[in-house]
Amino acid sequence: MKKKLVSMLLTGVVAVSMLAGCGGSDSSATSASAETAKSGSAATSEASSASETAESSATTSSADASSTSDTAAAGEKGLIAFIPPDMTSPYYQMIIDGAKPTAEKLGYELDVQSPSTSTSYDEQVQILENEINKGVKAIAICTHDASSILNGVQEANEAGIPVIVFNTLQDLPSDDVDVYAYVGYDPWAGGVMAADYVAEKIGNKGDIAILEGLEGYNNTERIEGFQDEIAKKYPDINIVASQPADWERDKGYTVAQNIIQANPDVKAFFAASDEMAIGAAQAMKDGGIDGIVTIGIDGNAATMDSINEGVTTASLDTDPYTIGVTSIEQAVNAIDGKKLDDNKVIVQCFVVDSSNVKDYLQK
């Protein structure tokens, strides 16, 4: 998927409740790291250079879709299916918070359906097939197992229903399916930004640990981007533990406790999701351990509150609200038959910590 990435910046859109072709808002070092994130891959440097040329066309597309639909009654144009991998994470609710009003503004009703858990792949496939049978106008879907939805996406193609895959830039693993657009942030560059932030906070030396999510593209890219940046730029930082906590706060709490007991010199935890970071931060607080840096990736509202309360240190806000908005705008573009020069649409992300969290909470 080494295409030129089209960066789509939605000016002025930052969620009320908020996370990697990313532009950092915390430090110049963070911004510079994102520009050099992943040599030979979908790095942020290309997203940054492409943003100025892509912004006007992307904004025009949004304006065109909006201008013909501002007076449309919500739902009069039909249904758009929206299928997240689960509703247990507040991250997906924030994406829906962006998607639903956008669909209504453009004259569509959003039909949100999700499986009971993020690993209930058969259930998600059944939901996808049900939405196709309903005759929806477009489908936006996110899954942790891309191979599981291939048949369903092919059925949607055969039915003439355009498909948007959100929260990832990874192509589905088949040449036999057609996806109109992939909407998300660059997770590798997000890992790079997190690494630079952690390094700055601990003085570029010391022991650190990683909390991993479930196996999949986003988890791998976030973790490997982080590890690669540490290895390349910070020889005095040692990753002494990297253990799964499956995206969950409670598991993040327990795993972080176990890691700190075995490695009492750990100075920081990088978690591949906010929920795990909140768990790690709470474990440190409950254990009376001060000064440990905790950073996650997502930009969940709960994390903003935790940062504001001085518990979690930081979050890489991937701007899930804007991912939701953009996914629906691209779905409507697909319905309207508009052509994309490139089907990778990048939403930018930002580091949020105590220095700027109040700005996010006020929006």
Protein backbone atom coordinates (compact mmCIF):
# COMPACT_ATOMS: atom_id res chain seq x y z
CA MET A 1 0.00 0.00 0.00
CA LYS A 2 2.88 2.28 -0.81
CA LYS A 3 0.68 4.81 -2.48
CA LYS A 4 1.01 8.50 -1.99
CA LEU A 5 -1.05 9.26 1.12
CA VAL A 6 -3.65 11.95 0.85
CA SER A 7 -3.80 13.95 4.06
CA MET A 8 -7.15 15.40 4.91
CA LEU A 9 -7.11 18.17 7.47
CA LEU A 10 -10.53 19.18 8.72
CA THR A 11 -9.91 22.73 9.81
CA GLY A 12 -11.33 23.64 13.19
CA VAL A 13 -12.70 20.20 14.01
CA VAL A 14 -11.49 18.94 17.35
CA ALA A 15 -13.97 16.89 19.34
CA VAL A 16 -15.70 18.04 22.47
CA SER A 17 -14.59 14.68 23.81
CA MET A 18 -11.68 13.85 21.87
CA LEU A 19 -5.57 10.14 18.49
CA ALA A 20 -0.66 9.52 12.86
CA GLY A 21 0.42 11.20 9.58
CA CYS A 22 0.61 13.32 12.65
CA GLY A 23 1.22 16.95 13.54
CA GLY A 24 2.31 17.27 17.14
CA SER A 25 0.97 19.97 19.36
CA ASP A 26 3.23 19.35 22.32
CA SER A 27 6.81 20.02 21.19
CA SER A 28 8.96 20.69 18.17
CA ALA A 29 10.74 17.39 18.74
CA THR A 30 7.42 15.60 18.43
CA SER A 31 6.62 17.30 15.13
CA ALA A 32 10.05 16.55 13.72
CA SER A 33 9.83 12.90 14.67
CA ALA A 34 6.57 12.46 12.86
CA GLU A 35 8.10 13.82 9.67
CA THR A 36 10.75 11.12 9.69
CA ALA A 37 8.61 8.33 11.07
CA LYS A 38 8.93 5.31 8.80
CA SER A 39 11.46 5.19 6.01
CA GLY A 40 9.96 3.74 2.84
CA SER A 41 6.49 3.45 4.36
CA ALA A 42 3.38 5.52 4.86
CA ALA A 43 5.22 8.03 7.04
CA THR A 44 4.10 11.35 8.30
CA SER A 45 6.66 13.27 6.29
CA GLU A 46 4.65 12.61 3.15
CA ALA A 47 1.40 13.34 4.95
CA SER A 48 2.77 16.70 6.05
CA SER A 49 4.02 17.69 2.60
CA ALA A 50 0.85 16.47 0.93
CA SER A 51 -1.51 18.23 3.29
CA GLU A 52 -1.27 21.65 1.67
CA THR A 53 -2.06 20.35 -1.81
CA ALA A 54 -4.73 17.93 -0.64
CA GLU A 55 -6.48 20.24 1.78
CA SER A 56 -8.22 22.38 -0.77
CA SER A 57 -9.56 19.46 -2.81
CA ALA A 58 -10.61 17.56 0.31
CA THR A 59 -12.36 20.60 1.70
CA THR A 60 -14.04 21.18 -1.65
CA SER A 61 -15.36 17.62 -1.65
CA SER A 62 -16.79 18.12 1.82
CA ALA A 63 -18.32 21.43 0.84
CA ASP A 64 -19.83 19.98 -2.32
CA ALA A 65 -21.45 17.14 -0.40
CA SER A 66 -22.69 19.56 2.23
CA SER A 67 -23.96 22.27 -0.11
CA THR A 68 -26.47 19.99 -1.82
CA SER A 69 -27.70 18.48 1.41
CA ASP A 70 -27.91 21.19 4.07
CA THR A 71 -31.68 21.32 3.82
CA ALA A 72 -32.20 17.58 3.50
CA ALA A 73 -34.18 15.94 6.26
CA ALA A 74 -32.14 13.37 8.17
CA GLY A 75 -32.66 9.95 6.68
CA GLU A 76 -34.58 10.95 3.58
CA LYS A 77 -31.76 9.76 1.34
CA GLY A 78 -31.54 6.35 3.00
CA LEU A 79 -29.36 4.41 5.42
CA ILE A 80 -25.60 4.33 5.84
CA ALA A 81 -24.41 1.30 7.81
CA PHE A 82 -21.77 1.97 10.45
CA ILE A 83 -20.12 -1.13 11.91
CA PRO A 84 -17.40 -0.69 14.57
CA PRO A 85 -15.66 -3.77 15.99
CA ASP A 86 -17.33 -3.27 19.39
CA MET A 87 -18.92 -0.68 21.65
CA THR A 88 -16.95 -1.54 24.79
CA SER A 89 -14.30 1.09 24.04
CA PRO A 90 -15.26 4.77 24.36
CA TYR A 91 -13.06 5.36 21.33
CA TYR A 92 -15.68 3.97 18.95
CA GLN A 93 -18.45 5.94 20.62
CA MET A 94 -16.45 9.08 19.86
CA ILE A 95 -16.16 8.04 16.22
CA ILE A 96 -19.93 7.56 16.13
CA ASP A 97 -20.37 10.98 17.77
CA GLY A 98 -18.68 12.44 14.71
CA ALA A 99 -20.36 10.18 12.17
CA LYS A 100 -24.00 10.41 13.25
CA PRO A 101 -24.60 14.18 12.99
CA THR A 102 -22.62 14.30 9.77
CA ALA A 103 -24.85 11.64 8.22
CA GLU A 104 -27.96 13.48 9.38
CA LYS A 105 -26.70 16.79 8.03
CA LEU A 106 -26.14 15.19 4.65
CA GLY A 107 -29.61 13.63 4.59
CA TYR A 108 -28.85 10.07 5.70
CA GLU A 109 -29.71 7.97 8.71
CA LEU A 110 -26.79 6.20 10.38
CA ASP A 111 -27.52 2.57 11.23
CA VAL A 112 -24.96 1.67 13.90
CA GLN A 113 -24.51 -2.04 14.57
CA SER A 114 -21.62 -3.75 16.33
CA PRO A 115 -20.71 -7.23 17.56
CA SER A 116 -20.71 -7.91 21.28
CA THR A 117 -16.91 -8.04 21.51
CA SER A 118 -14.02 -6.96 19.32
CA THR A 119 -13.14 -10.60 18.62
CA SER A 120 -16.69 -11.69 17.71
CA TYR A 121 -15.75 -11.82 14.05
CA ASP A 122 -18.55 -14.15 12.92
CA GLU A 123 -21.07 -11.85 14.53
CA GLN A 124 -19.62 -8.85 12.74
CA VAL A 125 -19.76 -10.68 9.41
CA GLN A 126 -23.43 -11.47 10.03
CA ILE A 127 -24.11 -7.80 10.76
CA LEU A 128 -22.37 -6.85 7.51
CA GLU A 129 -24.50 -9.29 5.54
CA ASN A 130 -27.67 -8.03 7.24
CA GLU A 131 -26.83 -4.46 6.28
CA ILE A 132 -26.30 -5.50 2.67
CA ASN A 133 -29.70 -7.19 2.68
CA LYS A 134 -31.28 -4.00 4.00
CA GLY A 135 -30.12 -2.23 0.86
CA VAL A 136 -28.13 0.46 2.65
CA LYS A 137 -26.59 3.18 0.49
CA ALA A 138 -23.05 2.72 1.86
CA ILE A 139 -21.18 0.76 4.52
CA ALA A 140 -18.47 2.05 6.88
CA ILE A 141 -16.74 -0.72 8.81
CA CYS A 142 -13.79 -1.26 11.14
CA THR A 143 -12.54 -4.68 12.16
CA HIS A 144 -9.61 -6.22 14.02
CA ASP A 145 -9.52 -9.13 11.55
CA ALA A 146 -9.48 -7.83 7.99
CA SER A 147 -9.61 -11.29 6.42
CA SER A 148 -12.91 -12.06 8.16
CA ILE A 149 -14.88 -9.40 6.24
CA LEU A 150 -13.54 -10.09 2.74
CA ASN A 151 -16.54 -12.12 1.58
CA GLY A 152 -18.94 -9.56 2.97
CA VAL A 153 -17.15 -6.67 1.29
CA GLN A 154 -17.21 -8.60 -1.98
CA GLU A 155 -20.97 -9.11 -1.58
CA ALA A 156 -21.35 -5.37 -1.02
CA ASN A 157 -19.33 -4.70 -4.18
CA GLU A 158 -21.59 -7.02 -6.15
CA ALA A 159 -24.65 -5.23 -4.76
CA GLY A 160 -23.21 -1.86 -5.79
CA ILE A 161 -22.86 -0.66 -2.19
CA PRO A 162 -19.69 1.39 -1.62
CA VAL A 163 -17.51 0.42 1.35
CA ILE A 164 -15.46 2.67 3.61
CA VAL A 165 -12.98 1.10 6.03
CA PHE A 166 -12.30 3.40 8.97
CA ASN A 167 -9.63 3.63 11.66
CA THR A 168 -7.00 2.02 9.46
CA LEU A 169 -4.94 2.76 6.37
CA GLN A 170 -4.14 -0.90 5.70
CA ASP A 171 -5.52 -2.39 2.49
CA LEU A 172 -7.78 -5.39 2.89
CA PRO A 173 -5.76 -8.52 2.10
CA SER A 174 -7.33 -9.26 -1.28
CA ASP A 175 -7.25 -7.83 -4.80
CA ASP A 176 -10.80 -9.08 -5.36
CA VAL A 177 -12.50 -6.45 -3.21
CA ASP A 178 -13.01 -2.75 -3.79
CA VAL A 179 -12.83 -0.23 -0.94
CA TYR A 180 -13.72 3.35 -1.83
CA ALA A 181 -11.63 4.89 0.98
CA TYR A 182 -9.59 4.00 4.04
CA VAL A 183 -9.93 6.68 6.74
CA GLY A 184 -7.61 6.86 9.73
CA TYR A 185 -4.39 8.11 11.24
CA ASP A 186 -0.88 6.75 10.66
CA PRO A 187 -0.31 4.41 13.64
CA TRP A 188 3.43 3.98 12.96
CA ALA A 189 3.99 7.72 13.13
CA GLY A 190 1.83 7.78 16.25
CA GLY A 191 4.19 5.30 17.89
CA VAL A 192 7.11 7.51 16.87
CA MET A 193 5.51 10.57 18.45
CA ALA A 194 4.86 8.65 21.66
CA ALA A 195 8.48 7.46 21.78
CA ASP A 196 9.84 10.98 21.40
CA TYR A 197 7.48 12.24 24.08
CA VAL A 198 8.49 9.51 26.54
CA ALA A 199 12.19 10.09 25.83
CA GLU A 200 11.87 13.80 26.51
CA LYS A 201 9.98 13.19 29.76
CA ILE A 202 12.54 10.75 31.20
CA GLY A 203 15.65 12.62 30.06
CA ASN A 204 16.50 10.25 27.19
CA LYS A 205 17.59 7.41 29.49
CA GLY A 206 16.16 4.74 31.74
CA ASP A 207 13.97 1.64 31.74
CA ILE A 208 10.51 1.69 30.14
CA ALA A 209 7.74 -0.82 29.46
CA ILE A 210 5.06 -1.38 26.82
CA LEU A 211 1.45 -2.53 27.17
CA GLU A 212 0.24 -4.23 23.99
CA GLY A 213 -3.28 -4.48 22.59
CA LEU A 214 -4.83 -7.34 20.67
CA GLU A 215 -2.89 -8.54 17.65
CA GLY A 216 -3.64 -6.63 14.49
CA TYR A 217 -2.49 -3.84 12.21
CA ASN A 218 -2.97 -0.89 14.57
CA ASN A 219 -1.36 -2.63 17.52
CA THR A 220 1.62 -3.78 15.46
CA GLU A 221 2.19 -0.41 13.81
CA ARG A 222 1.91 1.54 17.06
CA ILE A 223 4.26 -0.77 18.95
CA GLU A 224 6.82 -1.16 16.18
CA GLY A 225 6.85 2.56 15.42
CA PHE A 226 7.57 3.20 19.10
CA GLN A 227 10.24 0.50 19.34
CA ASP A 228 11.94 1.57 16.13
CA GLU A 229 12.21 5.19 17.24
CA ILE A 230 13.62 4.22 20.63
CA ALA A 231 16.18 1.91 19.01
CA LYS A 232 17.27 4.50 16.44
CA LYS A 233 17.47 7.61 18.59
CA TYR A 234 17.73 6.69 22.26
CA PRO A 235 20.47 4.13 23.02
CA ASP A 236 20.24 4.79 26.76
CA ILE A 237 16.58 3.85 26.96
CA ASN A 238 15.87 0.18 27.63
CA ILE A 239 12.54 -1.52 26.95
CA VAL A 240 12.54 -4.05 29.79
CA ALA A 241 9.04 -5.46 29.29
CA SER A 242 6.39 -5.62 26.59
CA GLN A 243 3.25 -7.51 27.59
CA PRO A 244 -0.34 -7.76 26.29
CA ALA A 245 -3.21 -6.10 28.12
CA ASP A 246 -5.72 -6.56 25.28
CA TRP A 247 -6.87 -2.91 25.05
CA GLU A 248 -8.52 -3.17 28.49
CA ARG A 249 -8.19 -0.85 31.48
CA ASP A 250 -8.40 -3.59 34.11
CA LYS A 251 -5.77 -5.68 32.36
CA GLY A 252 -3.59 -2.61 31.93
CA TYR A 253 -3.82 -2.09 35.68
CA THR A 254 -2.83 -5.66 36.52
CA VAL A 255 -0.09 -5.99 33.90
CA ALA A 256 1.47 -2.67 34.91
CA GLN A 257 1.45 -3.75 38.55
CA ASN A 258 3.26 -6.97 37.66
CA ILE A 259 5.80 -5.16 35.49
CA ILE A 260 6.66 -2.54 38.11
CA GLN A 261 7.07 -5.21 40.78
CA ALA A 262 9.50 -7.12 38.57
CA ASN A 263 11.19 -3.97 37.26
CA PRO A 264 11.10 -1.29 39.97
CA ASP A 265 13.31 1.07 37.95
CA VAL A 266 10.76 1.49 35.15
CA LYS A 267 10.26 5.19 34.47
CA ALA A 268 7.50 5.06 31.86
CA PHE A 269 4.72 2.97 30.35
CA PHE A 270 3.75 3.29 26.72
CA ALA A 271 0.33 1.73 26.18
CA ALA A 272 -1.00 1.02 22.69
CA SER A 273 -4.40 2.34 23.80
CA ASP A 274 -5.70 4.92 26.23
CA GLU A 275 -7.68 2.43 28.27
CA MET A 276 -4.53 0.46 29.07
CA ALA A 277 -2.67 3.68 29.86
CA ILE A 278 -5.38 4.74 32.31
CA GLY A 279 -5.11 1.33 33.97
CA ALA A 280 -1.33 1.60 34.27
CA ALA A 281 -1.56 5.14 35.64
CA GLN A 282 -4.15 4.14 38.21
CA ALA A 283 -2.00 1.17 39.27
CA MET A 284 0.91 3.52 39.92
CA LYS A 285 -1.31 5.91 41.88
CA ASP A 286 -2.82 3.13 44.00
CA GLY A 287 0.66 1.74 44.65
CA GLY A 288 1.92 5.10 45.85
CA ILE A 289 4.49 5.23 43.04
CA ASP A 290 5.08 8.78 41.86
CA GLY A 291 6.80 10.14 38.78
CA ILE A 292 5.99 7.34 36.34
CA VAL A 293 5.16 8.57 32.82
CA THR A 294 2.07 6.96 31.28
CA ILE A 295 0.99 7.63 27.71
CA GLY A 296 -1.63 5.95 25.54
CA ILE A 297 -3.04 6.36 22.06
CA ASP A 298 -6.65 7.28 21.23
CA GLY A 299 -7.72 10.59 22.74
CA ASN A 300 -10.67 9.25 24.72
CA ALA A 301 -12.68 11.68 26.85
CA ALA A 302 -11.93 9.61 29.95
CA THR A 303 -8.22 9.99 29.27
CA MET A 304 -8.55 13.77 28.96
CA ASP A 305 -10.21 13.78 32.38
CA SER A 306 -7.48 11.53 33.79
CA ILE A 307 -4.77 13.83 32.41
CA ASN A 308 -6.55 16.87 33.83
CA GLU A 309 -6.71 15.15 37.22
CA GLY A 310 -2.96 14.47 37.12
CA VAL A 311 -3.24 10.67 36.93
CA THR A 312 -2.41 9.75 33.32
CA THR A 313 0.47 11.74 31.82
CA ALA A 314 -0.51 12.02 28.16
CA SER A 315 -2.47 10.67 25.22
CA LEU A 316 -1.84 10.67 21.51
CA ASP A 317 -5.18 11.98 20.34
CA THR A 318 -5.98 10.33 17.01
CA ASP A 319 -9.07 12.54 16.73
CA PRO A 320 -11.73 9.81 16.56
CA TYR A 321 -14.48 12.41 16.15
CA THR A 322 -12.94 13.59 12.89
CA ILE A 323 -12.44 10.00 11.76
CA GLY A 324 -16.21 9.60 12.12
CA VAL A 325 -16.95 12.83 10.27
CA THR A 326 -14.55 12.02 7.45
CA SER A 327 -15.80 8.45 7.07
CA ILE A 328 -19.33 9.67 6.41
CA GLU A 329 -18.20 12.44 4.08
CA GLN A 330 -16.31 9.85 2.03
CA ALA A 331 -19.32 7.51 2.10
CA VAL A 332 -21.49 10.27 0.65
CA ASN A 333 -18.83 11.09 -1.95
CA ALA A 334 -18.91 7.42 -2.96
CA ILE A 335 -22.72 7.41 -3.17
CA ASP A 336 -22.54 10.54 -5.33
CA GLY A 337 -20.05 8.87 -7.68
CA LYS A 338 -17.14 11.18 -6.96
CA LYS A 339 -13.66 9.90 -7.79
CA LEU A 340 -10.68 9.91 -5.42
CA ASP A 341 -7.11 10.36 -6.63
CA ASP A 342 -6.03 8.16 -3.73
CA ASN A 343 -8.17 6.16 -1.33
CA LYS A 344 -6.00 6.72 1.77
CA VAL A 345 -7.41 9.62 3.79
CA ILE A 346 -5.25 10.58 6.78
CA VAL A 347 -6.62 12.30 9.87
CA GLN A 348 -3.98 14.07 11.94
CA CYS A 349 -3.23 13.42 15.58
CA PHE A 350 -1.77 15.37 18.50
CA VAL A 351 -0.11 14.84 21.86
CA VAL A 352 -2.29 15.99 24.74
CA ASP A 353 -0.88 16.39 28.25
CA SER A 354 -1.24 18.74 31.20
CA SER A 355 0.07 21.65 29.13
CA ASN A 356 -2.87 21.67 26.71
CA VAL A 357 -5.57 19.35 28.04
CA LYS A 358 -7.76 22.23 29.25
CA ASP A 359 -7.94 23.49 25.65
CA TYR A 360 -9.42 20.14 24.63
CA LEU A 361 -11.82 20.00 27.57
CA GLN A 362 -13.16 23.46 26.74
CA LYS A 363 -14.02 22.62 23.13
